[in-house]
Amino acid sequence: METDILFSRTVKAGQRIYYIDVKQNRRGEQYLCITESKKMQGQGGTQEMPQVSFEKHKIFLFREDFGKFGEALQQAMTFIGDNAQGQPEERPKADDEAIKIDLDF
């Protein structure tokens, strides 16, 4: 499926990187593509130069599902926020490393 990227953001989070892209297919339909890329230390290579690979997972979300997905995501984030007992406090981020995700479907 050949696509054009219309909008893109990158979120770095520890060993993972998330790519949030708005793409358009050949029929002109826009959709959201969320990719998780995780750095993996492979077997092989040498101690000085270990073999490194990246494991990627993608989610494709089309416009007709935005409402349901956004609502479920908000509910899950609220649940985690309300049930954070025993979880380490989230450290505040410096201005230059602040991550803001605005999900308004």
Protein backbone atom coordinates (compact mmCIF):
# COMPACT_ATOMS: atom_id res chain seq x y z
CA MET A 1 0.00 0.00 0.00
CA GLU A 2 1.68 3.19 -1.16
CA THR A 3 1.08 6.15 1.14
CA ASP A 4 1.95 9.78 1.65
CA ILE A 5 2.85 11.08 5.12
CA LEU A 6 0.88 14.27 5.80
CA PHE A 7 1.83 14.81 9.47
CA SER A 8 4.41 13.19 11.74
CA ARG A 9 5.51 13.36 15.38
CA THR A 10 8.12 11.35 17.28
CA VAL A 11 7.89 10.50 20.99
CA LYS A 12 11.06 9.16 22.63
CA ALA A 13 10.37 7.15 25.78
CA GLY A 14 13.32 5.26 27.25
CA GLN A 15 14.24 2.29 25.07
CA ARG A 16 11.19 2.89 22.85
CA ILE A 17 10.39 5.42 20.17
CA TYR A 18 6.82 6.05 19.04
CA TYR A 19 6.08 7.48 15.60
CA ILE A 20 2.66 9.04 15.15
CA ASP A 21 1.95 9.62 11.46
CA VAL A 22 -1.08 10.77 9.52
CA LYS A 23 -0.96 9.06 6.14
CA GLN A 24 -3.06 9.09 3.02
CA ASN A 25 -3.56 6.08 0.78
CA ARG A 26 -4.00 6.08 -3.01
CA ARG A 27 -7.76 6.49 -2.65
CA GLY A 28 -7.25 9.73 -0.67
CA GLU A 29 -8.31 8.23 2.66
CA GLN A 30 -6.43 9.59 5.66
CA TYR A 31 -5.58 7.37 8.60
CA LEU A 32 -3.42 7.33 11.71
CA CYS A 33 -0.39 5.04 11.88
CA ILE A 34 1.22 4.54 15.29
CA THR A 35 4.55 2.70 15.25
CA GLU A 36 6.44 1.48 18.31
CA SER A 37 10.14 0.87 17.70
CA LYS A 38 12.09 -0.91 20.42
CA LYS A 39 15.85 -1.36 20.40
CA MET A 40 16.84 -5.02 20.83
CA GLN A 41 20.27 -6.43 21.64
CA GLY A 42 20.68 -9.42 19.36
CA GLN A 43 22.80 -12.49 19.80
CA GLY A 44 25.90 -12.30 17.72
CA GLY A 45 28.31 -9.55 16.97
CA THR A 46 31.15 -8.90 19.39
CA GLN A 47 31.36 -7.52 22.90
CA GLU A 48 32.60 -4.21 21.50
CA MET A 49 30.06 -4.16 18.67
CA PRO A 50 26.91 -6.08 19.73
CA GLN A 51 24.33 -6.82 17.07
CA VAL A 52 21.49 -4.29 17.39
CA SER A 53 18.10 -4.57 15.77
CA PHE A 54 14.79 -2.79 16.13
CA GLU A 55 11.48 -4.52 16.76
CA LYS A 56 8.56 -2.59 15.27
CA HIS A 57 4.83 -2.83 15.84
CA LYS A 58 2.26 -0.80 13.92
CA ILE A 59 -1.35 0.15 14.51
CA PHE A 60 -3.46 1.58 11.67
CA LEU A 61 -6.50 3.56 12.76
CA PHE A 62 -9.05 4.92 10.29
CA ARG A 63 -11.25 7.97 10.79
CA GLU A 64 -14.44 6.01 11.42
CA ASP A 65 -12.83 4.43 14.51
CA PHE A 66 -11.29 7.60 16.03
CA GLY A 67 -14.17 8.27 18.43
CA LYS A 68 -14.28 4.77 19.90
CA PHE A 69 -10.50 4.51 20.09
CA GLY A 70 -10.07 7.96 21.66
CA GLU A 71 -12.76 7.26 24.26
CA ALA A 72 -11.25 3.89 25.21
CA LEU A 73 -7.74 5.40 25.39
CA GLN A 74 -8.98 8.21 27.65
CA GLN A 75 -10.75 5.70 29.90
CA ALA A 76 -7.60 3.58 30.16
CA MET A 77 -5.43 6.62 31.02
CA THR A 78 -7.97 7.76 33.64
CA PHE A 79 -8.04 4.26 35.13
CA ILE A 80 -4.25 4.20 35.43
CA GLY A 81 -4.21 7.69 36.92
CA ASP A 82 -6.85 6.77 39.49
CA ASN A 83 -5.16 3.46 40.39
CA ALA A 84 -1.52 4.53 40.60
CA GLN A 85 -1.08 3.19 44.14
CA GLY A 86 2.42 1.85 44.64
CA GLN A 87 3.58 3.26 41.33
CA PRO A 88 6.67 5.48 41.31
CA GLU A 89 5.93 9.19 41.01
CA GLU A 90 6.30 10.53 37.49
CA ARG A 91 9.20 12.93 37.49
CA PRO A 92 8.49 16.33 35.96
CA LYS A 93 10.14 16.85 32.60
CA ALA A 94 12.33 19.80 31.81
CA ASP A 95 10.85 22.22 29.28
CA ASP A 96 13.18 21.01 26.54
CA GLU A 97 12.09 17.40 26.95
CA ALA A 98 8.37 17.88 27.58
CA ILE A 99 6.15 15.50 25.67
CA LYS A 100 2.64 16.57 24.87
CA ILE A 101 0.15 14.36 23.12
CA ASP A 102 -3.17 15.99 22.28
CA LEU A 103 -5.75 13.41 21.31
CA ASP A 104 -8.87 15.20 20.13
CA PHE A 105 -10.86 13.00 17.75
